[in-house]
Amino acid sequence: MKSFKFMVFGLAIGVLIGLWLGVNIGKGQPLLSNPFAEHPVTEKTREAMEKGKEMYEEGKRIINR
């Protein structure tokens, strides 16, 4: 019975650590960083968003001619 408790406890700890690391891997962040922290928008992402808006506006102008 004692080994069963240790196994369940170890499994629970393993799942928690695995989720923590898995979320960070999925987001492309350092492994030990906080997966729930807000990260500022990078300059590359901001430029891509601006370019997307410009393309959208240009498409609207072409369609509405």
PDB file of N, CA and C in Angstrom:
ATOM      1  N   MET A   1       0.824  -1.195   0.000  1.00  0.00           N
ATOM      2  CA  MET A   1       0.000   0.000   0.000  1.00  0.00           C
ATOM      3  C   MET A   1       0.865   1.255   0.000  1.00  0.00           C
ATOM      4  N   LYS A   2       2.001   1.175   0.697  1.00  0.00           N
ATOM      5  CA  LYS A   2       2.882   2.328   0.777  1.00  0.00           C
ATOM      6  C   LYS A   2       3.496   2.641  -0.585  1.00  0.00           C
ATOM      7  N   SER A   3       3.855   1.611  -1.339  1.00  0.00           N
ATOM      8  CA  SER A   3       4.452   1.826  -2.648  1.00  0.00           C
ATOM      9  C   SER A   3       3.425   2.406  -3.624  1.00  0.00           C
ATOM     10  N   PHE A   4       2.153   2.039  -3.462  1.00  0.00           N
ATOM     11  CA  PHE A   4       1.101   2.591  -4.306  1.00  0.00           C
ATOM     12  C   PHE A   4       0.960   4.098  -4.090  1.00  0.00           C
ATOM     13  N   LYS A   5       1.040   4.534  -2.842  1.00  0.00           N
ATOM     14  CA  LYS A   5       0.958   5.966  -2.533  1.00  0.00           C
ATOM     15  C   LYS A   5       2.131   6.715  -3.157  1.00  0.00           C
ATOM     16  N   PHE A   6       3.322   6.137  -3.059  1.00  0.00           N
ATOM     17  CA  PHE A   6       4.498   6.768  -3.657  1.00  0.00           C
ATOM     18  C   PHE A   6       4.367   6.838  -5.177  1.00  0.00           C
ATOM     19  N   MET A   7       3.819   5.777  -5.779  1.00  0.00           N
ATOM     20  CA  MET A   7       3.651   5.750  -7.225  1.00  0.00           C
ATOM     21  C   MET A   7       2.652   6.826  -7.671  1.00  0.00           C
ATOM     22  N   VAL A   8       1.546   6.960  -6.970  1.00  0.00           N
ATOM     23  CA  VAL A   8       0.546   7.971  -7.313  1.00  0.00           C
ATOM     24  C   VAL A   8       1.120   9.365  -7.109  1.00  0.00           C
ATOM     25  N   PHE A   9       1.828   9.573  -6.024  1.00  0.00           N
ATOM     26  CA  PHE A   9       2.452  10.869  -5.757  1.00  0.00           C
ATOM     27  C   PHE A   9       3.487  11.196  -6.836  1.00  0.00           C
ATOM     28  N   GLY A  10       4.303  10.250  -7.196  1.00  0.00           N
ATOM     29  CA  GLY A  10       5.309  10.449  -8.236  1.00  0.00           C
ATOM     30  C   GLY A  10       4.684  10.729  -9.591  1.00  0.00           C
ATOM     31  N   LEU A  11       3.602  10.032  -9.889  1.00  0.00           N
ATOM     32  CA  LEU A  11       2.885  10.257 -11.143  1.00  0.00           C
ATOM     33  C   LEU A  11       2.295  11.666 -11.190  1.00  0.00           C
ATOM     34  N   ALA A  12       1.711  12.109 -10.091  1.00  0.00           N
ATOM     35  CA  ALA A  12       1.127  13.456 -10.039  1.00  0.00           C
ATOM     36  C   ALA A  12       2.205  14.521 -10.218  1.00  0.00           C
ATOM     37  N   ILE A  13       3.326  14.371  -9.551  1.00  0.00           N
ATOM     38  CA  ILE A  13       4.433  15.329  -9.690  1.00  0.00           C
ATOM     39  C   ILE A  13       4.956  15.301 -11.123  1.00  0.00           C
ATOM     40  N   GLY A  14       5.086  14.123 -11.713  1.00  0.00           N
ATOM     41  CA  GLY A  14       5.566  14.002 -13.087  1.00  0.00           C
ATOM     42  C   GLY A  14       4.640  14.668 -14.086  1.00  0.00           C
ATOM     43  N   VAL A  15       3.337  14.534 -13.879  1.00  0.00           N
ATOM     44  CA  VAL A  15       2.368  15.173 -14.775  1.00  0.00           C
ATOM     45  C   VAL A  15       2.475  16.687 -14.665  1.00  0.00           C
ATOM     46  N   LEU A  16       2.573  17.204 -13.461  1.00  0.00           N
ATOM     47  CA  LEU A  16       2.679  18.658 -13.272  1.00  0.00           C
ATOM     48  C   LEU A  16       3.942  19.222 -13.919  1.00  0.00           C
ATOM     49  N   ILE A  17       5.063  18.561 -13.717  1.00  0.00           N
ATOM     50  CA  ILE A  17       6.318  19.020 -14.325  1.00  0.00           C
ATOM     51  C   ILE A  17       6.250  18.882 -15.844  1.00  0.00           C
ATOM     52  N   GLY A  18       5.670  17.800 -16.318  1.00  0.00           N
ATOM     53  CA  GLY A  18       5.535  17.595 -17.754  1.00  0.00           C
ATOM     54  C   GLY A  18       4.660  18.652 -18.412  1.00  0.00           C
ATOM     55  N   LEU A  19       3.571  19.029 -17.759  1.00  0.00           N
ATOM     56  CA  LEU A  19       2.718  20.078 -18.300  1.00  0.00           C
ATOM     57  C   LEU A  19       3.456  21.410 -18.347  1.00  0.00           C
ATOM     58  N   TRP A  20       4.172  21.726 -17.267  1.00  0.00           N
ATOM     59  CA  TRP A  20       4.935  22.979 -17.196  1.00  0.00           C
ATOM     60  C   TRP A  20       5.928  23.059 -18.353  1.00  0.00           C
ATOM     61  N   LEU A  21       6.711  22.014 -18.514  1.00  0.00           N
ATOM     62  CA  LEU A  21       7.721  22.015 -19.571  1.00  0.00           C
ATOM     63  C   LEU A  21       7.089  21.944 -20.959  1.00  0.00           C
ATOM     64  N   GLY A  22       6.011  21.193 -21.096  1.00  0.00           N
ATOM     65  CA  GLY A  22       5.349  21.053 -22.381  1.00  0.00           C
ATOM     66  C   GLY A  22       4.750  22.362 -22.880  1.00  0.00           C
ATOM     67  N   VAL A  23       4.157  23.122 -21.988  1.00  0.00           N
ATOM     68  CA  VAL A  23       3.594  24.418 -22.376  1.00  0.00           C
ATOM     69  C   VAL A  23       4.712  25.344 -22.822  1.00  0.00           C
ATOM     70  N   ASN A  24       5.814  25.357 -22.104  1.00  0.00           N
ATOM     71  CA  ASN A  24       6.936  26.222 -22.479  1.00  0.00           C
ATOM     72  C   ASN A  24       7.538  25.801 -23.818  1.00  0.00           C
ATOM     73  N   ILE A  25       7.638  24.513 -24.055  1.00  0.00           N
ATOM     74  CA  ILE A  25       8.165  24.038 -25.337  1.00  0.00           C
ATOM     75  C   ILE A  25       7.228  24.457 -26.469  1.00  0.00           C
ATOM     76  N   GLY A  26       5.936  24.308 -26.241  1.00  0.00           N
ATOM     77  CA  GLY A  26       4.950  24.668 -27.255  1.00  0.00           C
ATOM     78  C   GLY A  26       4.954  26.149 -27.593  1.00  0.00           C
ATOM     79  N   LYS A  27       5.246  26.982 -26.611  1.00  0.00           N
ATOM     80  CA  LYS A  27       5.280  28.430 -26.837  1.00  0.00           C
ATOM     81  C   LYS A  27       6.651  28.914 -27.288  1.00  0.00           C
ATOM     82  N   GLY A  28       7.635  28.029 -27.310  1.00  0.00           N
ATOM     83  CA  GLY A  28       8.981  28.418 -27.715  1.00  0.00           C
ATOM     84  C   GLY A  28       9.691  29.274 -26.691  1.00  0.00           C
ATOM     85  N   GLN A  29       9.396  29.065 -25.425  1.00  0.00           N
ATOM     86  CA  GLN A  29       9.996  29.823 -24.336  1.00  0.00           C
ATOM     87  C   GLN A  29      11.062  28.974 -23.651  1.00  0.00           C
ATOM     88  N   PRO A  30      11.914  29.609 -22.845  1.00  0.00           N
ATOM     89  CA  PRO A  30      12.863  28.820 -22.047  1.00  0.00           C
ATOM     90  C   PRO A  30      12.108  27.837 -21.144  1.00  0.00           C
ATOM     91  N   LEU A  31      12.672  26.673 -20.922  1.00  0.00           N
ATOM     92  CA  LEU A  31      11.962  25.611 -20.204  1.00  0.00           C
ATOM     93  C   LEU A  31      11.527  26.000 -18.803  1.00  0.00           C
ATOM     94  N   LEU A  32      12.346  26.737 -18.076  1.00  0.00           N
ATOM     95  CA  LEU A  32      12.026  27.025 -16.686  1.00  0.00           C
ATOM     96  C   LEU A  32      11.311  28.357 -16.489  1.00  0.00           C
ATOM     97  N   SER A  33      10.840  28.989 -17.562  1.00  0.00           N
ATOM     98  CA  SER A  33      10.114  30.244 -17.419  1.00  0.00           C
ATOM     99  C   SER A  33       8.670  29.964 -17.017  1.00  0.00           C
ATOM    100  N   ASN A  34       7.979  30.998 -16.566  1.00  0.00           N
ATOM    101  CA  ASN A  34       6.593  30.883 -16.153  1.00  0.00           C
ATOM    102  C   ASN A  34       5.712  30.775 -17.396  1.00  0.00           C
ATOM    103  N   PRO A  35       5.006  29.651 -17.585  1.00  0.00           N
ATOM    104  CA  PRO A  35       4.201  29.501 -18.799  1.00  0.00           C
ATOM    105  C   PRO A  35       2.971  30.395 -18.824  1.00  0.00           C
ATOM    106  N   PHE A  36       2.597  30.981 -17.697  1.00  0.00           N
ATOM    107  CA  PHE A  36       1.404  31.811 -17.624  1.00  0.00           C
ATOM    108  C   PHE A  36       1.713  33.306 -17.653  1.00  0.00           C
ATOM    109  N   ALA A  37       2.984  33.662 -17.728  1.00  0.00           N
ATOM    110  CA  ALA A  37       3.375  35.066 -17.737  1.00  0.00           C
ATOM    111  C   ALA A  37       3.017  35.709 -19.073  1.00  0.00           C
ATOM    112  N   GLU A  38       2.639  36.979 -19.023  1.00  0.00           N
ATOM    113  CA  GLU A  38       2.363  37.732 -20.248  1.00  0.00           C
ATOM    114  C   GLU A  38       3.692  38.139 -20.867  1.00  0.00           C
ATOM    115  N   HIS A  39       3.841  37.873 -22.147  1.00  0.00           N
ATOM    116  CA  HIS A  39       5.061  38.226 -22.844  1.00  0.00           C
ATOM    117  C   HIS A  39       4.745  39.329 -23.843  1.00  0.00           C
ATOM    118  N   PRO A  40       5.579  40.346 -23.892  1.00  0.00           N
ATOM    119  CA  PRO A  40       5.305  41.448 -24.814  1.00  0.00           C
ATOM    120  C   PRO A  40       5.396  40.988 -26.269  1.00  0.00           C
ATOM    121  N   VAL A  41       4.654  41.670 -27.107  1.00  0.00           N
ATOM    122  CA  VAL A  41       4.675  41.355 -28.532  1.00  0.00           C
ATOM    123  C   VAL A  41       6.040  41.745 -29.077  1.00  0.00           C
ATOM    124  N   THR A  42       6.663  40.839 -29.763  1.00  0.00           N
ATOM    125  CA  THR A  42       7.987  41.124 -30.295  1.00  0.00           C
ATOM    126  C   THR A  42       7.885  42.059 -31.487  1.00  0.00           C
ATOM    127  N   GLU A  43       8.979  42.684 -31.825  1.00  0.00           N
ATOM    128  CA  GLU A  43       9.005  43.623 -32.943  1.00  0.00           C
ATOM    129  C   GLU A  43       8.650  42.921 -34.254  1.00  0.00           C
ATOM    130  N   LYS A  44       9.112  41.701 -34.413  1.00  0.00           N
ATOM    131  CA  LYS A  44       8.822  40.944 -35.637  1.00  0.00           C
ATOM    132  C   LYS A  44       7.318  40.695 -35.770  1.00  0.00           C
ATOM    133  N   THR A  45       6.676  40.335 -34.668  1.00  0.00           N
ATOM    134  CA  THR A  45       5.239  40.095 -34.694  1.00  0.00           C
ATOM    135  C   THR A  45       4.494  41.389 -34.970  1.00  0.00           C
ATOM    136  N   ARG A  46       4.924  42.473 -34.371  1.00  0.00           N
ATOM    137  CA  ARG A  46       4.273  43.763 -34.587  1.00  0.00           C
ATOM    138  C   ARG A  46       4.359  44.163 -36.064  1.00  0.00           C
ATOM    139  N   GLU A  47       5.529  43.967 -36.674  1.00  0.00           N
ATOM    140  CA  GLU A  47       5.693  44.281 -38.093  1.00  0.00           C
ATOM    141  C   GLU A  47       4.785  43.413 -38.958  1.00  0.00           C
ATOM    142  N   ALA A  48       4.663  42.146 -38.616  1.00  0.00           N
ATOM    143  CA  ALA A  48       3.799  41.240 -39.377  1.00  0.00           C
ATOM    144  C   ALA A  48       2.337  41.669 -39.261  1.00  0.00           C
ATOM    145  N   MET A  49       1.932  42.107 -38.079  1.00  0.00           N
ATOM    146  CA  MET A  49       0.558  42.565 -37.897  1.00  0.00           C
ATOM    147  C   MET A  49       0.285  43.813 -38.724  1.00  0.00           C
ATOM    148  N   GLU A  50       1.227  44.751 -38.741  1.00  0.00           N
ATOM    149  CA  GLU A  50       1.060  45.967 -39.528  1.00  0.00           C
ATOM    150  C   GLU A  50       0.988  45.643 -41.017  1.00  0.00           C
ATOM    151  N   LYS A  51       1.840  44.750 -41.481  1.00  0.00           N
ATOM    152  CA  LYS A  51       1.838  44.345 -42.885  1.00  0.00           C
ATOM    153  C   LYS A  51       0.507  43.681 -43.240  1.00  0.00           C
ATOM    154  N   GLY A  52      -0.015  42.856 -42.352  1.00  0.00           N
ATOM    155  CA  GLY A  52      -1.302  42.214 -42.574  1.00  0.00           C
ATOM    156  C   GLY A  52      -2.431  43.226 -42.689  1.00  0.00           C
ATOM    157  N   LYS A  53      -2.418  44.241 -41.832  1.00  0.00           N
ATOM    158  CA  LYS A  53      -3.436  45.288 -41.906  1.00  0.00           C
ATOM    159  C   LYS A  53      -3.350  46.033 -43.228  1.00  0.00           C
ATOM    160  N   GLU A  54      -2.129  46.341 -43.665  1.00  0.00           N
ATOM    161  CA  GLU A  54      -1.949  47.036 -44.946  1.00  0.00           C
ATOM    162  C   GLU A  54      -2.487  46.190 -46.094  1.00  0.00           C
ATOM    163  N   MET A  55      -2.201  44.895 -46.080  1.00  0.00           N
ATOM    164  CA  MET A  55      -2.672  44.010 -47.139  1.00  0.00           C
ATOM    165  C   MET A  55      -4.196  43.917 -47.131  1.00  0.00           C
ATOM    166  N   TYR A  56      -4.775  43.892 -45.948  1.00  0.00           N
ATOM    167  CA  TYR A  56      -6.231  43.835 -45.824  1.00  0.00           C
ATOM    168  C   TYR A  56      -6.869  45.091 -46.414  1.00  0.00           C
ATOM    169  N   GLU A  57      -6.333  46.251 -46.051  1.00  0.00           N
ATOM    170  CA  GLU A  57      -6.869  47.517 -46.564  1.00  0.00           C
ATOM    171  C   GLU A  57      -6.720  47.586 -48.083  1.00  0.00           C
ATOM    172  N   GLU A  58      -5.587  47.131 -48.604  1.00  0.00           N
ATOM    173  CA  GLU A  58      -5.366  47.142 -50.045  1.00  0.00           C
ATOM    174  C   GLU A  58      -6.367  46.218 -50.742  1.00  0.00           C
ATOM    175  N   GLY A  59      -6.623  45.070 -50.164  1.00  0.00           N
ATOM    176  CA  GLY A  59      -7.597  44.140 -50.722  1.00  0.00           C
ATOM    177  C   GLY A  59      -8.995  44.734 -50.729  1.00  0.00           C
ATOM    178  N   LYS A  60      -9.364  45.426 -49.654  1.00  0.00           N
ATOM    179  CA  LYS A  60     -10.675  46.076 -49.607  1.00  0.00           C
ATOM    180  C   LYS A  60     -10.797  47.130 -50.707  1.00  0.00           C
ATOM    181  N   ARG A  61      -9.730  47.902 -50.920  1.00  0.00           N
ATOM    182  CA  ARG A  61      -9.749  48.950 -51.965  1.00  0.00           C
ATOM    183  C   ARG A  61      -9.920  48.318 -53.335  1.00  0.00           C
ATOM    184  N   ILE A  62      -9.232  47.227 -53.609  1.00  0.00           N
ATOM    185  CA  ILE A  62      -9.326  46.574 -54.901  1.00  0.00           C
ATOM    186  C   ILE A  62     -10.734  46.017 -55.133  1.00  0.00           C
ATOM    187  N   ILE A  63     -11.317  45.418 -54.129  1.00  0.00           N
ATOM    188  CA  ILE A  63     -12.654  44.831 -54.255  1.00  0.00           C
ATOM    189  C   ILE A  63     -13.711  45.912 -54.448  1.00  0.00           C
ATOM    190  N   ASN A  64     -13.570  47.034 -53.782  1.00  0.00           N
ATOM    191  CA  ASN A  64     -14.581  48.092 -53.832  1.00  0.00           C
ATOM    192  C   ASN A  64     -14.465  48.997 -55.046  1.00  0.00           C
ATOM    193  N   ARG A  65     -13.596  48.744 -55.975  1.00  0.00           N
ATOM    194  CA  ARG A  65     -13.466  49.591 -57.167  1.00  0.00           C
ATOM    195  C   ARG A  65     -14.658  49.501 -58.036  1.00  0.00           C
TER     196      ARG A  65
END
